[in-house]
């Protein structure tokens, strides 16, 4: 009795997979005009800037946990202007590299541009830039072997450009 039940489950699973196979192959990719993609990308960056401004006052206060809703700061539109936030100005360097050299900008060139930046940095970004200035090229400039802050969230912040 037990083996016939097992055969039934295997047969049902095989039929389900055979039914799903044509469905998976018929799925189409969605194509977007470049102008629409750029608009969506710009909107994402604006949203990120707003989020950085909104979350800035809570930085380092709740580590490894979700901020309680009653501790979340009230949103104010002026929070969008966060030009003194390292979570944003590091990305502006990479954005400038993209604008200057195009979509195929090399990791080497982006690293050179970052090494030549003059703004204040902390933790992983500072160690990475110091490494670049010492001649340790990307991706090694952010590797744990050379960067004691490699497990910080800096990479996640700038991951839009990797």
C-alpha atoms as a PDB file:
ATOM      1  CA  UNK A   1       0.000   0.000   0.000  1.00  0.00           C
ATOM      2  CA  UNK A   2       2.796   2.413   0.923  1.00  0.00           C
ATOM      3  CA  UNK A   3       4.645   1.887  -2.396  1.00  0.00           C
ATOM      4  CA  UNK A   4       1.497   2.468  -4.480  1.00  0.00           C
ATOM      5  CA  UNK A   5       0.953   5.772  -2.684  1.00  0.00           C
ATOM      6  CA  UNK A   6       4.574   6.722  -3.452  1.00  0.00           C
ATOM      7  CA  UNK A   7       4.101   5.849  -7.128  1.00  0.00           C
ATOM      8  CA  UNK A   8       0.978   8.020  -7.188  1.00  0.00           C
ATOM      9  CA  UNK A   9       2.867  11.000  -5.775  1.00  0.00           C
ATOM     10  CA  UNK A  10       5.729  10.518  -8.239  1.00  0.00           C
ATOM     11  CA  UNK A  11       3.277  10.284 -11.135  1.00  0.00           C
ATOM     12  CA  UNK A  12       1.439  13.434  -9.973  1.00  0.00           C
ATOM     13  CA  UNK A  13       4.761  15.268  -9.641  1.00  0.00           C
ATOM     14  CA  UNK A  14       5.876  14.204 -13.124  1.00  0.00           C
ATOM     15  CA  UNK A  15       2.577  15.319 -14.683  1.00  0.00           C
ATOM     16  CA  UNK A  16       2.832  18.685 -12.881  1.00  0.00           C
ATOM     17  CA  UNK A  17       6.371  19.213 -14.163  1.00  0.00           C
ATOM     18  CA  UNK A  18       5.387  18.296 -17.717  1.00  0.00           C
ATOM     19  CA  UNK A  19       2.483  20.763 -17.550  1.00  0.00           C
ATOM     20  CA  UNK A  20       4.700  23.559 -16.155  1.00  0.00           C
ATOM     21  CA  UNK A  21       7.500  23.123 -18.709  1.00  0.00           C
ATOM     22  CA  UNK A  22       5.706  24.736 -21.682  1.00  0.00           C
ATOM     23  CA  UNK A  23       4.454  27.512 -19.384  1.00  0.00           C
ATOM     24  CA  UNK A  24       8.020  28.425 -18.385  1.00  0.00           C
ATOM     25  CA  UNK A  25       9.245  28.497 -21.995  1.00  0.00           C
ATOM     26  CA  UNK A  26       6.371  30.671 -23.198  1.00  0.00           C
ATOM     27  CA  UNK A  27       7.161  33.477 -20.733  1.00  0.00           C
ATOM     28  CA  UNK A  28       8.348  36.601 -22.552  1.00  0.00           C
ATOM     29  CA  UNK A  29      10.894  39.148 -21.445  1.00  0.00           C
ATOM     30  CA  UNK A  30       9.656  42.655 -20.934  1.00  0.00           C
ATOM     31  CA  UNK A  31      11.529  45.194 -23.027  1.00  0.00           C
ATOM     32  CA  UNK A  32      11.710  48.826 -22.009  1.00  0.00           C
ATOM     33  CA  UNK A  33      12.810  51.779 -24.108  1.00  0.00           C
ATOM     34  CA  UNK A  34      16.056  53.274 -22.777  1.00  0.00           C
ATOM     35  CA  UNK A  35      14.237  56.499 -21.856  1.00  0.00           C
ATOM     36  CA  UNK A  36      11.744  54.568 -19.695  1.00  0.00           C
ATOM     37  CA  UNK A  37      14.552  52.566 -18.061  1.00  0.00           C
ATOM     38  CA  UNK A  38      16.504  55.744 -17.268  1.00  0.00           C
ATOM     39  CA  UNK A  39      13.377  57.349 -15.806  1.00  0.00           C
ATOM     40  CA  UNK A  40      12.801  54.323 -13.562  1.00  0.00           C
ATOM     41  CA  UNK A  41      16.463  54.243 -12.566  1.00  0.00           C
ATOM     42  CA  UNK A  42      16.416  57.956 -11.668  1.00  0.00           C
ATOM     43  CA  UNK A  43      13.269  57.372  -9.615  1.00  0.00           C
ATOM     44  CA  UNK A  44      15.019  54.574  -7.748  1.00  0.00           C
ATOM     45  CA  UNK A  45      17.957  56.828  -6.936  1.00  0.00           C
ATOM     46  CA  UNK A  46      15.626  59.598  -5.764  1.00  0.00           C
ATOM     47  CA  UNK A  47      13.837  57.094  -3.556  1.00  0.00           C
ATOM     48  CA  UNK A  48      17.156  55.969  -2.147  1.00  0.00           C
ATOM     49  CA  UNK A  49      18.123  59.576  -1.392  1.00  0.00           C
ATOM     50  CA  UNK A  50      14.812  60.138   0.382  1.00  0.00           C
ATOM     51  CA  UNK A  51      15.304  56.923   2.351  1.00  0.00           C
ATOM     52  CA  UNK A  52      18.824  57.911   3.403  1.00  0.00           C
ATOM     53  CA  UNK A  53      17.543  61.270   4.613  1.00  0.00           C
ATOM     54  CA  UNK A  54      14.638  59.717   6.453  1.00  0.00           C
ATOM     55  CA  UNK A  55      16.711  57.002   8.090  1.00  0.00           C
ATOM     56  CA  UNK A  56      19.776  59.160   8.802  1.00  0.00           C
ATOM     57  CA  UNK A  57      18.731  60.175  12.333  1.00  0.00           C
ATOM     58  CA  UNK A  58      18.350  56.491  13.285  1.00  0.00           C
ATOM     59  CA  UNK A  59      21.790  55.377  12.040  1.00  0.00           C
ATOM     60  CA  UNK A  60      23.690  53.159  14.518  1.00  0.00           C
ATOM     61  CA  UNK A  61      20.821  53.214  17.041  1.00  0.00           C
ATOM     62  CA  UNK A  62      19.145  49.885  16.134  1.00  0.00           C
ATOM     63  CA  UNK A  63      21.771  47.369  15.089  1.00  0.00           C
ATOM     64  CA  UNK A  64      20.490  44.076  13.734  1.00  0.00           C
ATOM     65  CA  UNK A  65      16.846  44.814  14.451  1.00  0.00           C
ATOM     66  CA  UNK A  66      13.892  46.605  12.897  1.00  0.00           C
ATOM     67  CA  UNK A  67      13.267  50.123  14.182  1.00  0.00           C
ATOM     68  CA  UNK A  68      10.069  50.230  16.265  1.00  0.00           C
ATOM     69  CA  UNK A  69       7.376  52.142  14.359  1.00  0.00           C
ATOM     70  CA  UNK A  70       6.937  54.667  17.162  1.00  0.00           C
ATOM     71  CA  UNK A  71      10.673  55.522  17.019  1.00  0.00           C
ATOM     72  CA  UNK A  72      10.680  56.248  13.298  1.00  0.00           C
ATOM     73  CA  UNK A  73      11.212  59.973  12.628  1.00  0.00           C
ATOM     74  CA  UNK A  74       8.379  61.892  10.997  1.00  0.00           C
ATOM     75  CA  UNK A  75       8.910  62.399   7.263  1.00  0.00           C
ATOM     76  CA  UNK A  76       9.696  65.945   6.142  1.00  0.00           C
ATOM     77  CA  UNK A  77      10.241  66.828   2.453  1.00  0.00           C
ATOM     78  CA  UNK A  78      13.504  68.669   3.233  1.00  0.00           C
ATOM     79  CA  UNK A  79      14.990  65.287   4.197  1.00  0.00           C
ATOM     80  CA  UNK A  80      15.555  64.650   0.483  1.00  0.00           C
ATOM     81  CA  UNK A  81      18.510  67.078   0.319  1.00  0.00           C
ATOM     82  CA  UNK A  82      21.260  64.951   1.852  1.00  0.00           C
ATOM     83  CA  UNK A  83      24.404  66.193   0.142  1.00  0.00           C
ATOM     84  CA  UNK A  84      26.461  65.685   3.307  1.00  0.00           C
ATOM     85  CA  UNK A  85      25.552  61.992   3.531  1.00  0.00           C
ATOM     86  CA  UNK A  86      28.312  59.525   2.644  1.00  0.00           C
ATOM     87  CA  UNK A  87      25.623  57.019   1.669  1.00  0.00           C
ATOM     88  CA  UNK A  88      24.953  59.326  -1.290  1.00  0.00           C
ATOM     89  CA  UNK A  89      28.069  61.252  -2.256  1.00  0.00           C
ATOM     90  CA  UNK A  90      30.158  58.112  -2.783  1.00  0.00           C
ATOM     91  CA  UNK A  91      27.556  57.046  -5.344  1.00  0.00           C
ATOM     92  CA  UNK A  92      27.765  60.456  -7.010  1.00  0.00           C
ATOM     93  CA  UNK A  93      31.409  59.699  -7.802  1.00  0.00           C
ATOM     94  CA  UNK A  94      30.383  56.500  -9.581  1.00  0.00           C
ATOM     95  CA  UNK A  95      27.523  58.290 -11.314  1.00  0.00           C
ATOM     96  CA  UNK A  96      30.024  60.850 -12.626  1.00  0.00           C
ATOM     97  CA  UNK A  97      32.219  57.979 -13.889  1.00  0.00           C
ATOM     98  CA  UNK A  98      29.215  56.535 -15.732  1.00  0.00           C
ATOM     99  CA  UNK A  99      28.423  59.922 -17.242  1.00  0.00           C
ATOM    100  CA  UNK A 100      32.022  60.530 -18.359  1.00  0.00           C
ATOM    101  CA  UNK A 101      32.911  57.076 -19.673  1.00  0.00           C
ATOM    102  CA  UNK A 102      29.570  55.489 -20.505  1.00  0.00           C
ATOM    103  CA  UNK A 103      27.881  52.250 -19.476  1.00  0.00           C
ATOM    104  CA  UNK A 104      31.016  50.201 -20.117  1.00  0.00           C
ATOM    105  CA  UNK A 105      33.187  52.156 -17.656  1.00  0.00           C
ATOM    106  CA  UNK A 106      35.818  49.775 -16.293  1.00  0.00           C
ATOM    107  CA  UNK A 107      36.144  48.897 -12.633  1.00  0.00           C
ATOM    108  CA  UNK A 108      39.695  50.272 -12.905  1.00  0.00           C
ATOM    109  CA  UNK A 109      38.474  53.688 -14.064  1.00  0.00           C
ATOM    110  CA  UNK A 110      35.752  53.837 -11.413  1.00  0.00           C
ATOM    111  CA  UNK A 111      38.428  52.961  -8.845  1.00  0.00           C
ATOM    112  CA  UNK A 112      40.699  55.752 -10.111  1.00  0.00           C
ATOM    113  CA  UNK A 113      37.849  58.244  -9.843  1.00  0.00           C
ATOM    114  CA  UNK A 114      37.054  57.051  -6.317  1.00  0.00           C
ATOM    115  CA  UNK A 115      40.741  57.198  -5.313  1.00  0.00           C
ATOM    116  CA  UNK A 116      40.885  60.812  -6.516  1.00  0.00           C
ATOM    117  CA  UNK A 117      37.820  61.885  -4.509  1.00  0.00           C
ATOM    118  CA  UNK A 118      38.393  64.313  -1.654  1.00  0.00           C
ATOM    119  CA  UNK A 119      35.362  63.992   0.612  1.00  0.00           C
ATOM    120  CA  UNK A 120      35.388  62.488   4.110  1.00  0.00           C
ATOM    121  CA  UNK A 121      34.839  58.766   4.451  1.00  0.00           C
ATOM    122  CA  UNK A 122      34.516  56.198   7.208  1.00  0.00           C
ATOM    123  CA  UNK A 123      35.020  52.462   7.681  1.00  0.00           C
ATOM    124  CA  UNK A 124      34.985  50.248   4.573  1.00  0.00           C
ATOM    125  CA  UNK A 125      34.780  53.063   2.033  1.00  0.00           C
ATOM    126  CA  UNK A 126      37.703  54.883   3.644  1.00  0.00           C
ATOM    127  CA  UNK A 127      39.799  51.720   3.888  1.00  0.00           C
ATOM    128  CA  UNK A 128      38.930  50.895   0.266  1.00  0.00           C
ATOM    129  CA  UNK A 129      39.904  54.354  -0.967  1.00  0.00           C
ATOM    130  CA  UNK A 130      43.117  54.268   1.095  1.00  0.00           C
ATOM    131  CA  UNK A 131      43.900  50.911  -0.509  1.00  0.00           C
ATOM    132  CA  UNK A 132      43.299  52.348  -3.978  1.00  0.00           C
ATOM    133  CA  UNK A 133      45.672  55.194  -3.174  1.00  0.00           C
ATOM    134  CA  UNK A 134      48.286  52.618  -2.094  1.00  0.00           C
ATOM    135  CA  UNK A 135      47.917  50.806  -5.418  1.00  0.00           C
ATOM    136  CA  UNK A 136      45.641  47.952  -4.321  1.00  0.00           C
ATOM    137  CA  UNK A 137      43.208  47.760  -7.240  1.00  0.00           C
ATOM    138  CA  UNK A 138      39.568  46.655  -7.182  1.00  0.00           C
ATOM    139  CA  UNK A 139      38.194  44.198  -6.262  1.00  0.00           C
ATOM    140  CA  UNK A 140      41.083  43.566  -3.820  1.00  0.00           C
ATOM    141  CA  UNK A 141      40.736  47.081  -2.380  1.00  0.00           C
ATOM    142  CA  UNK A 142      37.551  45.916  -0.635  1.00  0.00           C
ATOM    143  CA  UNK A 143      38.631  42.332   0.100  1.00  0.00           C
ATOM    144  CA  UNK A 144      38.800  41.247   3.774  1.00  0.00           C
ATOM    145  CA  UNK A 145      42.506  40.474   3.321  1.00  0.00           C
ATOM    146  CA  UNK A 146      43.163  44.197   2.741  1.00  0.00           C
ATOM    147  CA  UNK A 147      40.124  45.882   4.313  1.00  0.00           C
ATOM    148  CA  UNK A 148      39.318  45.252   7.987  1.00  0.00           C
ATOM    149  CA  UNK A 149      35.861  46.793   7.464  1.00  0.00           C
ATOM    150  CA  UNK A 150      34.933  44.590   4.498  1.00  0.00           C
ATOM    151  CA  UNK A 151      31.881  43.248   6.346  1.00  0.00           C
ATOM    152  CA  UNK A 152      30.364  46.731   6.789  1.00  0.00           C
ATOM    153  CA  UNK A 153      27.303  47.686   4.724  1.00  0.00           C
ATOM    154  CA  UNK A 154      29.190  50.071   2.423  1.00  0.00           C
ATOM    155  CA  UNK A 155      29.076  47.592  -0.460  1.00  0.00           C
ATOM    156  CA  UNK A 156      25.315  47.217  -0.103  1.00  0.00           C
ATOM    157  CA  UNK A 157      24.931  50.987  -0.252  1.00  0.00           C
ATOM    158  CA  UNK A 158      26.878  51.292  -3.503  1.00  0.00           C
ATOM    159  CA  UNK A 159      25.765  47.967  -5.011  1.00  0.00           C
ATOM    160  CA  UNK A 160      23.767  49.839  -7.679  1.00  0.00           C
ATOM    161  CA  UNK A 161      27.049  50.259  -9.551  1.00  0.00           C
ATOM    162  CA  UNK A 162      28.577  46.803  -9.305  1.00  0.00           C
END
